[in-house]
Each structure stands twice: as C-alpha cells, then as structure tokens.
Amino acid sequence: MNLSADVAADLRVAAVAAGCTVALSLVLRYGLGVSASPLLRLSPLAVYFGYLFLGKGSTGSAVENPRLWMLLTVVVTLGTGAYAVA
C-alpha cells in the first residue's frame, strides 16, 4: 500500500468508529431512553485504537485489513447497545 491508501484506510476506519460512537450515544439516550456511562458509549472508539496499534503494518496478515476493523466496530457497537438495553 502506498501512503495515500494508508491515510484513506485510516480515515475510513476513524469515520466508522466516530459514526458508530455518535449513533450509539444518540440511540441509547434519545431513542431508547437509556442512561449509559460515558465509557460504555465510547466503546466503539476502543476498536479504532486497536486498529492503530494492531492493525497497521505491511505483513499481509488478515488482521491488517481495514474492512475487518470497520466490521468489528459495528459489531462492538451493536453488542454494546444490546448490553446497555439488557
């Protein structure tokens, strides 16, 4: 991958993490009326930091695929939402 592709991948993963964080916070607070802790609402951002520290490299590993990290962010968001409602 070249530098511009790396930057674009980083931006996509960051955008998904930010969007999921905002969506989770809005749905929990205004959609479902659940008062969740800030740490719980910020949980999708943890996946982004995992991507920054574990998912970047040039070994060709499947863990380095940005789409995997975007999907993982969505799964964590949905799981966190289900946990907060239960």
Protein backbone atom coordinates (compact mmCIF):
# COMPACT_ATOMS: atom_id res chain seq x y z
CA MET A 1 0.00 0.00 0.00
CA ASN A 2 1.16 3.50 -0.67
CA LEU A 3 0.91 6.41 1.74
CA SER A 4 -2.32 7.85 0.33
CA ALA A 5 -4.03 4.45 0.52
CA ASP A 6 -2.91 4.09 4.14
CA VAL A 7 -4.27 7.52 5.00
CA ALA A 8 -7.56 6.78 3.25
CA ALA A 9 -7.89 3.47 5.12
CA ASP A 10 -7.15 5.20 8.44
CA LEU A 11 -9.77 7.84 7.70
CA ARG A 12 -12.39 5.25 6.79
CA VAL A 13 -11.83 3.28 9.99
CA ALA A 14 -11.86 6.50 12.04
CA ALA A 15 -15.07 7.67 10.36
CA VAL A 16 -16.83 4.38 11.08
CA ALA A 17 -15.67 4.47 14.72
CA ALA A 18 -16.79 8.08 15.15
CA GLY A 19 -20.11 7.48 13.42
CA CYS A 20 -20.83 4.40 15.49
CA THR A 21 -19.95 6.24 18.69
CA VAL A 22 -22.28 9.11 17.89
CA ALA A 23 -25.06 6.79 16.71
CA LEU A 24 -24.77 4.61 19.81
CA SER A 25 -24.92 7.62 22.10
CA LEU A 26 -27.93 9.12 20.32
CA VAL A 27 -29.86 5.85 20.10
CA LEU A 28 -29.26 4.98 23.73
CA ARG A 29 -30.09 8.42 25.08
CA TYR A 30 -32.89 9.66 22.83
CA GLY A 31 -34.10 6.55 21.03
CA LEU A 32 -34.27 4.14 23.95
CA GLY A 33 -34.05 6.49 26.93
CA VAL A 34 -31.17 4.54 28.49
CA SER A 35 -28.69 6.45 30.60
CA ALA A 36 -25.39 4.68 29.89
CA SER A 37 -21.98 5.55 31.26
CA PRO A 38 -19.60 7.56 29.06
CA LEU A 39 -17.17 4.65 28.97
CA LEU A 40 -19.87 2.39 27.58
CA ARG A 41 -20.89 4.94 24.95
CA LEU A 42 -17.26 5.41 23.85
CA SER A 43 -16.61 1.68 23.40
CA PRO A 44 -16.57 1.81 19.56
CA LEU A 45 -13.53 4.08 19.78
CA ALA A 46 -11.61 1.30 21.53
CA VAL A 47 -11.73 -0.68 18.30
CA TYR A 48 -10.17 2.23 16.43
CA PHE A 49 -7.29 2.38 18.87
CA GLY A 50 -6.90 -1.37 18.49
CA TYR A 51 -6.65 -0.80 14.75
CA LEU A 52 -3.99 1.86 15.24
CA PHE A 53 -1.83 -0.36 17.43
CA LEU A 54 -2.53 -3.83 16.00
CA GLY A 55 -3.99 -3.46 12.53
CA LYS A 56 -1.40 -1.41 10.77
CA GLY A 57 1.54 -2.97 9.06
CA SER A 58 2.66 -4.48 5.82
CA THR A 59 2.90 -8.19 6.53
CA GLY A 60 -0.18 -9.09 4.50
CA SER A 61 -1.98 -10.52 7.53
CA ALA A 62 -5.78 -10.57 7.55
CA VAL A 63 -5.67 -8.55 10.77
CA GLU A 64 -4.34 -5.61 8.76
CA ASN A 65 -7.46 -5.37 6.60
CA PRO A 66 -9.28 -2.10 7.42
CA ARG A 67 -12.64 -3.63 6.45
CA LEU A 68 -12.23 -6.16 9.25
CA TRP A 69 -11.77 -3.34 11.75
CA MET A 70 -14.77 -1.44 10.38
CA LEU A 71 -16.93 -4.56 10.72
CA LEU A 72 -15.58 -5.17 14.21
CA THR A 73 -16.52 -1.60 15.15
CA VAL A 74 -20.11 -2.18 14.02
CA VAL A 75 -20.28 -5.49 15.90
CA VAL A 76 -18.95 -3.88 19.09
CA THR A 77 -21.47 -1.05 18.71
CA LEU A 78 -24.38 -3.45 18.32
CA GLY A 79 -23.15 -5.60 21.21
CA THR A 80 -22.71 -2.57 23.44
CA GLY A 81 -26.20 -1.37 22.58
CA ALA A 82 -27.67 -4.75 23.41
CA TYR A 83 -25.73 -4.84 26.69
CA ALA A 84 -26.90 -1.37 27.68
CA VAL A 85 -30.54 -2.20 27.00
CA ALA A 86 -30.48 -5.52 28.86
